[in-house]
Amino acid sequence: MKKPIYDWGNQHATIFDSYIHALDDTGIRYFILRNYEGLPEYNESKDIDLIIEPGKYKSAAQLLLNTFRCHGVEYYYVVKYERVRCWFGMNSTSDFAIHIDLIEGYVNKGFEIFEFDKLYGNTAAYKEYRVLNQPYDIAMLLLYKVIGAKELKQRYRDKISAGYKSCKNEIRDILVEVLGSDLAQKVCSKVEADEYEWIVDHSKVISRTSKKIAFKKHPISTVVNVMRFLNEKVYRIGICPKKYRKMIALEAPDGTGKTTFIDALTVMLAETFVCDIEKMHVYHFRPSVLPNLGAVGEKAGVMKQDTNFENPHRNKAANPLSSFVRMGYYWLDYLIGGAICIRKDVQFDKITIFDRYIYDFIIDPLRSRINLPRCMRTAFSKMVQQPRIVFVLDAPADVIYSRKKELTLDEIQRQLEEFDKLSNLGDNFYKINANQTPEKMVLDAKKIILDKFCLKIQK
């Protein structure tokens, strides 16, 4: 699988520069959080973090939307984490995509580690933009990554070490204010000794200490902010995950190129949503919260698991009672898995991708040794979470057979006819011509995904 490419070109530079000038013209205070070197012509990161004045988000968001509109961006998508709103702008007809985070001060799970006014008072000019001065830039980089991400990549370690050497006293004073004298001195000594693993290993201690001090400074506002954070989290994950989930399923006969398509799809999605490819969570057929029945039987000593997958129709269908048990067992996996795995994907705004889904029991029940009426299998499939998009790869039966001869030509034709009927289950089924290049297939899918997951910008 090729790696995603995150381009930053003239259109990105123009949009960013125009937006910053719009903030200046309206008097909204802001500063760029790290990785500003080279802007606007070059961006060494995938995205841009803008800390904006608390209470000014609505105005700042409208300005960004207007900027997108003025510069020909077709779609936008926004995801909210506490006071962070991640804005994505993208086009369906080109590779253009931009990611700008609007952050109302530095708050972590309701605790305001740094006050905005204090940070803004320690900004400096970089070209025509506002950025943090070096001591605060280094201190924020250290704490932002350790408290928020519980990790420090090597390039961040190198930057912290270089910055610490030139202004160690100022950085130490900042950390003392946030962490207290003892822990700040300990962290500084580890930075000086280049012992970053100790800092990462003690990220929970650092996070907990910073929050205790933040609470002592502003107890009432901290309680309010924590309650808001918990309320948003419960609403997003527990009450209304359907509103936020980005779930895609792929259905097709063997030989249509599902694996190749999914590999290309995950790269395209990472580039479109300007995120790490790990944000694409691919499941194979089931959530697999429950183990395969063959593995259960082998562990119980009642049977030996069949691991020969070259012929999917190698075994006869089970009797109706056994089939009902099998169907119920796997249906339960989708039910429980939907409540656990998919909600977890929603929590971290991952894109859920299923390489085959429960609809396989409708199309090809013999693969799972199911012998039940079609109406019963269809009923089971309707009683689980439905993907927002189901791509059905389609190609002539003889083309599919020439690629992979696991199934007979007649069986492939039968399955293609069954796939045609899936559209009766809902308007979330879309055919993709699999008799074309993977690049063209993904481009066809991209327009559908943007229409479903994003908002179209009105001209």
Protein backbone atom coordinates (compact mmCIF):
# COMPACT_ATOMS: atom_id res chain seq x y z
CA MET A 1 0.00 0.00 0.00
CA LYS A 2 1.40 3.40 -0.95
CA LYS A 3 1.67 6.12 1.66
CA PRO A 4 -0.63 9.16 1.61
CA ILE A 5 0.76 12.36 0.12
CA TYR A 6 -0.20 15.60 1.84
CA ASP A 7 0.36 18.40 -0.62
CA TRP A 8 0.65 22.09 0.27
CA GLY A 9 0.58 24.32 -2.78
CA ASN A 10 -0.43 27.76 -4.00
CA GLN A 11 -4.13 27.28 -3.26
CA HIS A 12 -3.36 26.26 0.33
CA ALA A 13 -1.04 29.24 0.78
CA THR A 14 -3.61 31.67 -0.63
CA ILE A 15 -6.43 30.32 1.54
CA PHE A 16 -4.33 30.43 4.70
CA ASP A 17 -3.01 33.93 4.04
CA SER A 18 -6.47 35.25 3.15
CA TYR A 19 -7.97 33.77 6.29
CA ILE A 20 -5.31 35.27 8.57
CA HIS A 21 -5.89 38.69 7.05
CA ALA A 22 -9.64 38.24 7.58
CA LEU A 23 -9.02 37.53 11.28
CA ASP A 24 -6.84 40.64 11.51
CA ASP A 25 -9.43 42.79 9.73
CA THR A 26 -12.17 41.75 12.19
CA GLY A 27 -9.95 42.11 15.25
CA ILE A 28 -10.08 38.45 16.31
CA ARG A 29 -6.93 37.67 18.26
CA TYR A 30 -5.12 34.48 17.29
CA PHE A 31 -1.70 32.88 17.07
CA ILE A 32 -0.27 29.93 15.19
CA LEU A 33 0.66 27.01 17.40
CA ARG A 34 4.07 25.61 16.24
CA ASN A 35 5.10 24.47 12.73
CA TYR A 36 4.75 27.98 11.34
CA GLU A 37 8.20 28.12 9.78
CA GLY A 38 7.82 28.45 6.02
CA LEU A 39 4.20 29.60 6.00
CA PRO A 40 2.38 30.50 3.87
CA GLU A 41 4.38 29.02 0.97
CA TYR A 42 5.34 25.84 2.79
CA ASN A 43 3.85 23.81 5.63
CA GLU A 44 5.96 21.12 7.28
CA SER A 45 2.91 19.64 9.02
CA LYS A 46 -0.30 18.09 7.66
CA ASP A 47 -2.46 20.75 9.29
CA ILE A 48 -2.35 24.18 10.93
CA ASP A 49 -3.28 24.80 14.57
CA LEU A 50 -4.71 28.24 15.25
CA ILE A 51 -5.37 29.26 18.85
CA ILE A 52 -8.18 31.83 18.70
CA GLU A 53 -9.68 34.12 21.27
CA PRO A 54 -12.26 32.26 23.43
CA GLY A 55 -15.82 33.24 22.58
CA LYS A 56 -14.94 34.18 19.01
CA TYR A 57 -15.37 30.79 17.39
CA LYS A 58 -18.62 31.51 15.53
CA SER A 59 -17.16 34.60 13.89
CA ALA A 60 -13.88 32.82 13.11
CA ALA A 61 -15.73 29.82 11.66
CA GLN A 62 -17.85 32.00 9.39
CA LEU A 63 -14.73 33.77 8.15
CA LEU A 64 -13.10 30.43 7.35
CA LEU A 65 -16.19 29.20 5.50
CA ASN A 66 -16.28 32.44 3.49
CA THR A 67 -12.59 32.01 2.69
CA PHE A 68 -13.20 28.48 1.45
CA ARG A 69 -16.07 29.72 -0.69
CA CYS A 70 -14.08 32.57 -2.22
CA HIS A 71 -11.26 30.24 -3.23
CA GLY A 72 -13.27 27.50 -4.89
CA VAL A 73 -13.42 24.86 -2.15
CA GLU A 74 -16.38 22.54 -2.81
CA TYR A 75 -16.93 20.73 0.50
CA TYR A 76 -16.16 21.17 4.18
CA TYR A 77 -16.31 18.97 7.25
CA VAL A 78 -15.99 19.93 10.92
CA VAL A 79 -15.34 17.68 13.91
CA LYS A 80 -15.39 19.02 17.47
CA TYR A 81 -13.27 17.89 20.40
CA GLU A 82 -14.01 20.09 23.40
CA ARG A 83 -12.75 23.56 22.34
CA VAL A 84 -11.01 22.21 19.25
CA ARG A 85 -12.84 22.34 15.93
CA CYS A 86 -11.03 20.57 13.13
CA TRP A 87 -11.98 22.12 9.78
CA PHE A 88 -11.44 20.23 6.54
CA GLY A 89 -11.93 21.71 3.09
CA MET A 90 -11.78 19.47 0.02
CA ASN A 91 -12.69 19.15 -3.64
CA SER A 92 -14.16 16.14 -5.42
CA THR A 93 -12.56 16.82 -8.80
CA SER A 94 -8.99 17.35 -7.62
CA ASP A 95 -6.56 16.22 -4.91
CA PHE A 96 -6.94 19.50 -3.01
CA ALA A 97 -7.58 19.18 0.73
CA ILE A 98 -6.75 21.48 3.65
CA HIS A 99 -6.98 20.97 7.42
CA ILE A 100 -7.10 23.93 9.83
CA ASP A 101 -7.82 23.52 13.55
CA LEU A 102 -9.54 26.38 15.37
CA ILE A 103 -8.77 26.08 19.09
CA GLU A 104 -10.33 28.35 21.72
CA GLY A 105 -7.43 28.49 24.17
CA TYR A 106 -5.63 25.47 25.60
CA VAL A 107 -8.12 23.36 27.58
CA ASN A 108 -7.68 19.65 28.23
CA LYS A 109 -10.77 17.73 29.39
CA GLY A 110 -12.16 20.89 30.97
CA PHE A 111 -8.92 22.07 32.62
CA GLU A 112 -7.45 25.32 31.29
CA ILE A 113 -3.73 24.64 31.44
CA PHE A 114 -2.77 27.99 29.88
CA GLU A 115 -4.95 31.09 29.85
CA PHE A 116 -5.36 32.61 26.40
CA ASP A 117 -4.48 36.16 27.51
CA LYS A 118 -1.24 34.89 29.05
CA LEU A 119 -0.32 33.07 25.87
CA TYR A 120 -1.28 35.94 23.58
CA GLY A 121 0.82 38.29 25.69
CA ASN A 122 3.80 36.12 24.81
CA THR A 123 3.38 36.10 21.05
CA ALA A 124 5.77 37.56 18.48
CA ALA A 125 5.57 38.58 14.85
CA TYR A 126 6.50 36.10 12.14
CA LYS A 127 6.12 37.75 8.73
CA GLU A 128 2.56 39.12 8.98
CA TYR A 129 1.39 36.45 11.44
CA ARG A 130 1.31 36.03 15.22
CA VAL A 131 3.20 33.11 16.74
CA LEU A 132 4.29 32.17 20.25
CA ASN A 133 7.71 33.37 21.35
CA GLN A 134 10.32 30.64 21.60
CA PRO A 135 10.08 29.82 25.34
CA TYR A 136 6.29 29.42 25.22
CA ASP A 137 6.44 27.64 21.87
CA ILE A 138 8.77 24.99 23.33
CA ALA A 139 6.89 24.68 26.62
CA MET A 140 3.55 24.37 24.81
CA LEU A 141 4.94 21.78 22.40
CA LEU A 142 6.20 19.68 25.28
CA LEU A 143 3.02 19.84 27.34
CA TYR A 144 0.59 19.73 24.41
CA LYS A 145 2.04 16.47 23.16
CA VAL A 146 2.71 14.81 26.50
CA ILE A 147 -0.63 15.71 28.12
CA GLY A 148 -2.78 15.38 25.02
CA ALA A 149 -1.15 12.60 23.01
CA LYS A 150 0.96 10.78 25.64
CA GLU A 151 3.84 10.65 23.16
CA LEU A 152 6.72 12.69 21.75
CA LYS A 153 7.85 11.97 18.21
CA GLN A 154 11.56 12.28 17.50
CA ARG A 155 11.20 15.49 15.51
CA TYR A 156 9.45 17.11 18.47
CA ARG A 157 12.17 15.89 20.83
CA ASP A 158 14.83 17.42 18.60
CA LYS A 159 12.99 20.75 18.48
CA ILE A 160 12.47 20.81 22.26
CA SER A 161 16.13 20.02 22.93
CA ALA A 162 17.35 22.74 20.55
CA GLY A 163 14.96 25.34 21.96
CA TYR A 164 15.66 24.43 25.57
CA LYS A 165 19.38 25.08 25.15
CA SER A 166 18.77 28.68 24.07
CA CYS A 167 16.17 29.69 26.71
CA LYS A 168 16.21 27.12 29.51
CA ASN A 169 15.50 29.60 32.32
CA GLU A 170 12.38 31.01 30.66
CA ILE A 171 11.06 27.52 29.85
CA ARG A 172 11.71 26.39 33.43
CA ASP A 173 9.70 29.36 34.78
CA ILE A 174 6.77 28.49 32.50
CA LEU A 175 6.78 24.83 33.59
CA VAL A 176 7.00 25.81 37.27
CA GLU A 177 3.81 27.84 36.85
CA VAL A 178 2.01 24.90 35.23
CA LEU A 179 3.51 21.89 37.05
CA GLY A 180 4.84 23.25 40.32
CA SER A 181 8.48 23.57 41.27
CA ASP A 182 9.40 19.94 42.01
CA LEU A 183 7.90 18.31 38.93
CA ALA A 184 9.02 21.16 36.66
CA GLN A 185 12.61 20.78 37.84
CA LYS A 186 12.42 17.03 37.24
CA VAL A 187 11.02 17.47 33.71
CA CYS A 188 13.70 20.08 32.90
CA SER A 189 16.47 17.79 34.09
CA LYS A 190 15.16 15.01 31.85
CA VAL A 191 14.97 17.35 28.85
CA GLU A 192 18.53 18.47 29.53
CA ALA A 193 19.67 14.83 29.74
CA ASP A 194 17.67 13.92 26.61
CA GLU A 195 15.70 11.35 28.65
CA TYR A 196 12.34 11.80 26.93
CA GLU A 197 11.14 8.27 27.62
CA TRP A 198 10.90 9.18 31.31
CA ILE A 199 8.73 12.16 30.42
CA VAL A 200 6.42 10.04 28.24
CA ASP A 201 6.24 7.31 30.90
CA HIS A 202 5.20 9.96 33.46
CA SER A 203 2.68 11.65 31.17
CA LYS A 204 -0.20 10.76 33.51
CA VAL A 205 1.59 12.36 36.45
CA ILE A 206 2.34 15.47 34.39
CA SER A 207 -1.26 15.66 33.18
CA ARG A 208 -2.73 15.12 36.65
CA THR A 209 -0.46 17.70 38.28
CA SER A 210 -1.17 20.36 35.65
CA LYS A 211 -4.91 19.84 36.11
CA LYS A 212 -4.71 20.12 39.90
CA ILE A 213 -2.94 23.46 39.59
CA ALA A 214 -5.42 24.63 36.91
CA PHE A 215 -8.30 23.71 39.21
CA LYS A 216 -6.83 25.67 42.12
CA LYS A 217 -6.58 28.75 39.92
CA HIS A 218 -10.15 28.60 38.57
CA PRO A 219 -12.24 26.04 40.52
CA ILE A 220 -15.71 27.17 39.43
CA SER A 221 -15.00 27.58 35.70
CA THR A 222 -13.07 24.29 35.74
CA VAL A 223 -16.06 22.38 37.17
CA VAL A 224 -18.32 23.94 34.51
CA ASN A 225 -15.85 23.09 31.73
CA VAL A 226 -15.41 19.51 32.94
CA MET A 227 -19.19 19.00 33.00
CA ARG A 228 -19.45 20.34 29.44
CA PHE A 229 -16.65 18.04 28.31
CA LEU A 230 -18.32 14.97 29.85
CA ASN A 231 -21.70 15.95 28.44
CA GLU A 232 -20.28 16.28 24.92
CA LYS A 233 -18.49 12.95 25.22
CA VAL A 234 -21.58 11.09 26.45
CA TYR A 235 -23.71 12.66 23.73
CA ARG A 236 -21.23 11.83 20.97
CA ILE A 237 -20.47 8.25 21.99
CA GLY A 238 -23.53 7.09 23.94
CA ILE A 239 -26.59 9.00 22.84
CA CYS A 240 -26.07 9.99 19.25
CA PRO A 241 -23.19 8.09 17.59
CA LYS A 242 -25.19 7.68 14.37
CA LYS A 243 -24.93 11.43 13.79
CA TYR A 244 -21.13 11.29 13.81
CA ARG A 245 -20.15 7.88 12.48
CA LYS A 246 -18.48 7.58 9.08
CA MET A 247 -19.13 3.96 8.22
CA ILE A 248 -18.52 2.33 4.84
CA ALA A 249 -19.04 -1.29 3.78
CA LEU A 250 -17.78 -3.01 0.66
CA GLU A 251 -19.59 -5.89 -1.02
CA ALA A 252 -18.54 -7.81 -4.13
CA PRO A 253 -17.95 -11.33 -5.44
CA ASP A 254 -14.44 -12.70 -4.99
CA GLY A 255 -12.28 -11.55 -7.88
CA THR A 256 -13.57 -8.02 -8.28
CA GLY A 257 -10.53 -6.50 -6.56
CA LYS A 258 -11.88 -5.66 -3.08
CA THR A 259 -8.47 -5.64 -1.41
CA THR A 260 -6.91 -3.41 -4.07
CA PHE A 261 -9.88 -1.06 -3.90
CA ILE A 262 -9.78 -0.82 -0.10
CA ASP A 263 -6.02 -0.14 -0.11
CA ALA A 264 -6.53 2.72 -2.59
CA LEU A 265 -9.62 3.93 -0.71
CA THR A 266 -7.84 4.23 2.64
CA VAL A 267 -5.01 6.27 1.08
CA MET A 268 -7.50 8.55 -0.68
CA LEU A 269 -9.48 9.10 2.53
CA ALA A 270 -6.32 9.89 4.50
CA GLU A 271 -5.37 12.48 1.89
CA THR A 272 -8.91 13.91 1.62
CA PHE A 273 -9.38 14.26 5.38
CA VAL A 274 -5.69 15.21 5.84
CA CYS A 275 -5.13 12.69 8.62
CA ASP A 276 -2.99 9.66 9.44
CA ILE A 277 -3.91 6.50 7.58
CA GLU A 278 -4.43 4.87 11.00
CA LYS A 279 -7.68 6.85 11.14
CA MET A 280 -9.07 4.30 8.67
CA HIS A 281 -10.25 1.30 10.70
CA VAL A 282 -10.74 -1.69 8.40
CA TYR A 283 -12.75 -4.69 9.64
CA HIS A 284 -12.97 -7.98 7.75
CA PHE A 285 -16.59 -9.14 7.53
CA ARG A 286 -17.42 -8.84 11.25
CA PRO A 287 -16.39 -6.68 14.22
CA SER A 288 -15.05 -10.01 15.63
CA VAL A 289 -15.89 -9.19 19.22
CA LEU A 290 -17.04 -12.82 19.33
CA PRO A 291 -14.63 -15.45 17.97
CA ASN A 292 -15.30 -17.57 14.90
CA LEU A 293 -17.59 -20.52 15.68
CA GLY A 294 -14.96 -22.93 14.37
CA ALA A 295 -12.44 -21.56 16.87
CA VAL A 296 -15.02 -21.88 19.66
CA GLY A 297 -15.72 -25.49 18.71
CA GLU A 298 -12.04 -26.37 18.52
CA LYS A 299 -11.38 -24.80 21.93
CA ALA A 300 -14.30 -26.75 23.38
CA GLY A 301 -12.84 -29.95 21.90
CA VAL A 302 -15.94 -30.81 19.86
CA MET A 303 -14.48 -30.15 16.38
CA LYS A 304 -11.37 -29.14 14.47
CA GLN A 305 -11.44 -25.67 12.95
CA ASP A 306 -11.43 -25.59 9.15
CA THR A 307 -8.79 -23.11 8.00
CA ASN A 308 -8.85 -23.95 4.28
CA PHE A 309 -10.29 -20.77 2.77
CA GLU A 310 -9.34 -21.39 -0.86
CA ASN A 311 -12.79 -22.83 -1.62
CA PRO A 312 -15.47 -20.80 0.18
CA HIS A 313 -18.13 -23.42 -0.66
CA ARG A 314 -16.11 -26.41 0.53
CA ASN A 315 -18.66 -27.43 3.20
CA LYS A 316 -22.35 -28.23 3.02
CA ALA A 317 -24.92 -25.96 4.65
CA ALA A 318 -25.94 -26.81 8.21
CA ASN A 319 -29.45 -27.94 9.10
CA PRO A 320 -32.04 -25.17 9.73
CA LEU A 321 -31.76 -25.27 13.54
CA SER A 322 -27.97 -25.16 13.48
CA SER A 323 -28.15 -22.45 10.80
CA PHE A 324 -30.41 -20.34 13.00
CA VAL A 325 -27.93 -20.67 15.89
CA ARG A 326 -25.04 -19.74 13.60
CA MET A 327 -26.93 -16.78 12.17
CA GLY A 328 -27.94 -15.59 15.64
CA TYR A 329 -24.39 -15.91 16.92
CA TYR A 330 -22.88 -13.83 14.14
CA TRP A 331 -25.76 -11.34 14.28
CA LEU A 332 -24.96 -10.90 17.98
CA ASP A 333 -21.36 -10.11 17.03
CA TYR A 334 -22.58 -7.30 14.77
CA LEU A 335 -24.90 -6.06 17.51
CA ILE A 336 -22.27 -6.04 20.26
CA GLY A 337 -19.51 -4.96 17.91
CA GLY A 338 -21.61 -2.03 16.76
CA ALA A 339 -22.02 -0.93 20.36
CA ILE A 340 -18.32 -1.27 21.18
CA CYS A 341 -16.03 -1.02 18.13
CA ILE A 342 -17.98 1.42 16.01
CA ARG A 343 -18.70 3.72 18.96
CA LYS A 344 -15.00 3.75 19.71
CA ASP A 345 -14.32 4.73 16.10
CA VAL A 346 -16.84 7.55 16.54
CA GLN A 347 -15.06 8.71 19.68
CA PHE A 348 -11.81 9.25 17.76
CA ASP A 349 -13.51 10.29 14.49
CA LYS A 350 -12.17 7.28 12.63
CA ILE A 351 -13.63 6.11 9.34
CA THR A 352 -15.03 2.60 9.75
CA ILE A 353 -14.57 0.39 6.69
CA PHE A 354 -15.95 -3.16 6.43
CA ASP A 355 -14.46 -5.50 3.84
CA ARG A 356 -17.78 -7.38 3.42
CA TYR A 357 -20.62 -6.95 5.90
CA ILE A 358 -23.66 -8.81 7.22
CA TYR A 359 -25.22 -8.60 3.74
CA ASP A 360 -22.95 -11.51 2.81
CA PHE A 361 -25.41 -13.77 4.62
CA ILE A 362 -28.03 -12.65 2.09
CA ILE A 363 -25.82 -12.98 -0.98
CA ASP A 364 -23.73 -16.04 -0.16
CA PRO A 365 -25.12 -17.94 2.85
CA LEU A 366 -23.28 -21.14 1.92
CA ARG A 367 -19.93 -19.45 2.71
CA SER A 368 -21.02 -19.46 6.38
CA ARG A 369 -23.00 -22.72 6.11
CA ILE A 370 -26.29 -20.89 6.63
CA ASN A 371 -29.48 -22.64 5.45
CA LEU A 372 -32.31 -20.19 6.19
CA PRO A 373 -34.92 -18.47 4.02
CA ARG A 374 -33.78 -15.25 2.36
CA CYS A 375 -36.42 -13.21 4.18
CA MET A 376 -35.05 -14.39 7.55
CA ARG A 377 -31.46 -13.58 6.58
CA THR A 378 -32.59 -10.17 5.36
CA ALA A 379 -34.41 -9.53 8.65
CA PHE A 380 -31.23 -10.25 10.62
CA SER A 381 -29.27 -7.86 8.38
CA LYS A 382 -31.73 -5.04 9.05
CA MET A 383 -31.41 -5.35 12.84
CA VAL A 384 -27.83 -4.08 13.05
CA GLN A 385 -26.14 -0.73 12.45
CA GLN A 386 -26.42 0.18 8.78
CA PRO A 387 -23.40 1.69 7.02
CA ARG A 388 -23.96 5.16 5.63
CA ILE A 389 -22.40 3.94 2.39
CA VAL A 390 -22.28 0.44 0.89
CA PHE A 391 -20.13 0.15 -2.22
CA VAL A 392 -20.97 -2.79 -4.46
CA LEU A 393 -18.17 -3.54 -6.91
CA ASP A 394 -19.59 -4.66 -10.23
CA ALA A 395 -17.99 -6.28 -13.27
CA PRO A 396 -19.02 -8.84 -15.90
CA ALA A 397 -19.10 -12.41 -14.59
CA ASP A 398 -16.53 -13.65 -17.12
CA VAL A 399 -14.10 -10.88 -16.14
CA ILE A 400 -14.43 -11.77 -12.45
CA TYR A 401 -14.00 -15.47 -13.22
CA SER A 402 -10.84 -14.81 -15.23
CA ARG A 403 -9.31 -13.02 -12.22
CA LYS A 404 -10.20 -15.59 -9.58
CA LYS A 405 -11.60 -19.08 -10.12
CA GLU A 406 -12.65 -19.92 -6.55
CA LEU A 407 -16.32 -19.85 -7.63
CA THR A 408 -17.94 -21.20 -10.76
CA LEU A 409 -19.06 -18.84 -13.51
CA ASP A 410 -22.70 -19.67 -12.78
CA GLU A 411 -22.26 -18.92 -9.07
CA ILE A 412 -20.62 -15.58 -9.83
CA GLN A 413 -23.52 -14.67 -12.13
CA ARG A 414 -26.01 -15.68 -9.42
CA GLN A 415 -24.25 -13.50 -6.86
CA LEU A 416 -24.20 -10.53 -9.24
CA GLU A 417 -27.96 -10.85 -9.60
CA GLU A 418 -28.30 -10.97 -5.81
CA PHE A 419 -26.13 -7.88 -5.43
CA ASP A 420 -28.47 -6.06 -7.80
CA LYS A 421 -31.30 -6.69 -5.33
CA LEU A 422 -29.43 -5.14 -2.39
CA SER A 423 -30.51 -1.65 -3.45
CA ASN A 424 -34.01 -2.63 -2.27
CA LEU A 425 -32.68 -2.51 1.31
CA GLY A 426 -32.03 1.26 1.20
CA ASP A 427 -30.64 4.24 -0.65
CA ASN A 428 -27.15 3.78 0.82
CA PHE A 429 -26.06 1.23 -1.82
CA TYR A 430 -23.85 2.44 -4.67
CA LYS A 431 -22.42 0.47 -7.57
CA ILE A 432 -18.79 1.02 -8.56
CA ASN A 433 -17.59 -0.23 -11.93
CA ALA A 434 -14.80 -2.69 -11.06
CA ASN A 435 -13.85 -3.11 -14.71
CA GLN A 436 -11.69 0.03 -14.56
CA THR A 437 -8.46 1.12 -12.84
CA PRO A 438 -8.38 1.33 -9.02
CA GLU A 439 -7.64 5.06 -9.34
CA LYS A 440 -10.82 5.64 -11.34
CA MET A 441 -12.86 3.45 -8.97
CA VAL A 442 -11.67 5.48 -5.98
CA LEU A 443 -12.41 8.74 -7.76
CA ASP A 444 -15.99 7.56 -8.35
CA ALA A 445 -16.25 6.64 -4.67
CA LYS A 446 -14.81 9.96 -3.51
CA LYS A 447 -17.72 12.06 -4.81
CA ILE A 448 -20.23 9.76 -3.06
CA ILE A 449 -18.27 9.90 0.22
CA LEU A 450 -18.04 13.70 0.20
CA ASP A 451 -21.75 14.02 -0.53
CA LYS A 452 -22.57 11.71 2.40
CA PHE A 453 -20.02 12.75 5.03
CA CYS A 454 -19.41 16.45 4.28
CA LEU A 455 -21.33 19.64 3.62
CA LYS A 456 -21.35 21.22 0.19
CA ILE A 457 -20.34 24.86 0.11
CA GLN A 458 -22.97 26.96 -1.61
CA LYS A 459 -21.61 29.43 -4.14
